[in-house]
């Protein structure tokens, strides 16, 4: 359900940008969703149902750790006779970091 409020001080209320829509969500549904998410996360971690190399959305795992492990594996491979090339989208891996 969405409720629409007038934005105060707008000169013309016939235009769509003169209104502010607010979406109302089911609070009980959000609570149940949160509890189920926590339970699933616990079971997945406790019984190791996700590979260790999976970092997205896991507790105590960060994108920085994934990048460090990848770099360590590349450096280790370079010590042998094999060569590799890796392209990393660093800007996409750190969406909320100030890139300058």
Protein backbone atom coordinates (compact mmCIF):
# COMPACT_ATOMS: atom_id res chain seq x y z
CA UNK A 1 0.00 0.00 0.00
CA UNK A 2 1.29 3.44 -0.89
CA UNK A 3 0.19 6.74 0.66
CA UNK A 4 0.79 9.95 -1.24
CA UNK A 5 1.53 13.26 0.54
CA UNK A 6 1.61 16.73 -0.95
CA UNK A 7 5.01 18.38 -0.85
CA UNK A 8 4.52 21.75 0.85
CA UNK A 9 5.20 24.94 -1.08
CA UNK A 10 4.80 23.53 -4.59
CA UNK A 11 3.23 26.01 -7.02
CA UNK A 12 1.41 23.41 -9.17
CA UNK A 13 -0.15 20.25 -7.69
CA UNK A 14 -1.17 18.93 -11.12
CA UNK A 15 2.39 17.70 -11.68
CA UNK A 16 3.64 14.37 -10.36
CA UNK A 17 6.76 15.78 -8.68
CA UNK A 18 4.57 17.80 -6.29
CA UNK A 19 3.75 14.64 -4.36
CA UNK A 20 5.76 12.36 -2.08
CA UNK A 21 4.76 8.66 -2.14
CA UNK A 22 5.36 6.59 1.00
CA UNK A 23 5.22 2.80 0.71
CA UNK A 24 3.84 1.06 3.78
CA UNK A 25 5.24 -2.40 4.45
CA UNK A 26 3.98 -5.26 6.51
CA UNK A 27 5.98 -5.03 9.76
CA UNK A 28 5.21 -8.57 10.87
CA UNK A 29 6.32 -9.89 7.48
CA UNK A 30 9.62 -8.00 7.74
CA UNK A 31 10.20 -9.41 11.24
CA UNK A 32 9.57 -12.99 10.09
CA UNK A 33 11.82 -12.41 7.06
CA UNK A 34 14.62 -11.21 9.35
CA UNK A 35 14.29 -14.21 11.69
CA UNK A 36 14.29 -16.72 8.81
CA UNK A 37 17.32 -15.00 7.26
CA UNK A 38 19.24 -15.32 10.54
CA UNK A 39 18.27 -19.01 10.90
CA UNK A 40 19.30 -19.85 7.34
CA UNK A 41 22.57 -17.98 7.73
CA UNK A 42 23.33 -19.91 10.94
CA UNK A 43 22.55 -23.30 9.37
CA UNK A 44 24.60 -22.55 6.24
CA UNK A 45 27.62 -21.54 8.33
CA UNK A 46 27.28 -24.24 11.00
CA UNK A 47 27.06 -27.14 8.54
CA UNK A 48 29.41 -25.57 5.97
CA UNK A 49 26.88 -25.73 3.15
CA UNK A 50 28.52 -22.85 1.28
CA UNK A 51 32.02 -23.19 -0.18
CA UNK A 52 34.78 -21.42 1.74
CA UNK A 53 35.58 -19.36 -1.36
CA UNK A 54 32.12 -17.72 -1.28
CA UNK A 55 32.37 -14.29 0.37
CA UNK A 56 29.21 -12.40 -0.64
CA UNK A 57 26.75 -11.85 2.18
CA UNK A 58 28.55 -13.98 4.75
CA UNK A 59 29.31 -12.84 8.27
CA UNK A 60 32.92 -11.87 9.04
CA UNK A 61 33.87 -12.03 5.33
CA UNK A 62 34.77 -8.94 3.34
CA UNK A 63 35.56 -8.10 -0.24
CA UNK A 64 39.01 -6.97 0.85
CA UNK A 65 39.78 -10.47 2.18
CA UNK A 66 38.66 -12.03 -1.10
CA UNK A 67 40.96 -9.71 -3.06
CA UNK A 68 43.93 -10.47 -0.75
CA UNK A 69 43.41 -14.23 -1.11
CA UNK A 70 43.19 -13.89 -4.89
CA UNK A 71 46.40 -11.84 -4.98
CA UNK A 72 48.20 -14.37 -2.74
CA UNK A 73 47.20 -17.23 -5.05
CA UNK A 74 48.41 -15.30 -8.09
CA UNK A 75 51.76 -14.51 -6.41
CA UNK A 76 52.13 -18.18 -5.43
CA UNK A 77 51.40 -19.25 -9.02
CA UNK A 78 53.99 -16.81 -10.35
CA UNK A 79 56.69 -18.50 -8.25
CA UNK A 80 56.16 -21.66 -10.31
CA UNK A 81 56.25 -21.97 -14.08
CA UNK A 82 52.64 -21.06 -14.75
CA UNK A 83 51.50 -17.60 -15.81
CA UNK A 84 48.09 -16.05 -15.53
CA UNK A 85 46.20 -12.90 -16.27
CA UNK A 86 43.44 -11.55 -14.06
CA UNK A 87 41.06 -8.69 -14.70
CA UNK A 88 39.49 -7.23 -11.58
CA UNK A 89 36.60 -4.76 -11.50
CA UNK A 90 37.77 -3.02 -8.34
CA UNK A 91 35.26 -0.17 -8.70
CA UNK A 92 32.43 -2.71 -8.76
CA UNK A 93 33.85 -4.62 -5.78
CA UNK A 94 33.87 -1.53 -3.61
CA UNK A 95 30.71 0.33 -4.61
CA UNK A 96 30.47 2.40 -1.43
CA UNK A 97 34.12 3.52 -1.27
CA UNK A 98 35.24 6.99 -2.34
CA UNK A 99 37.47 6.02 -5.28
CA UNK A 100 39.64 9.14 -5.40
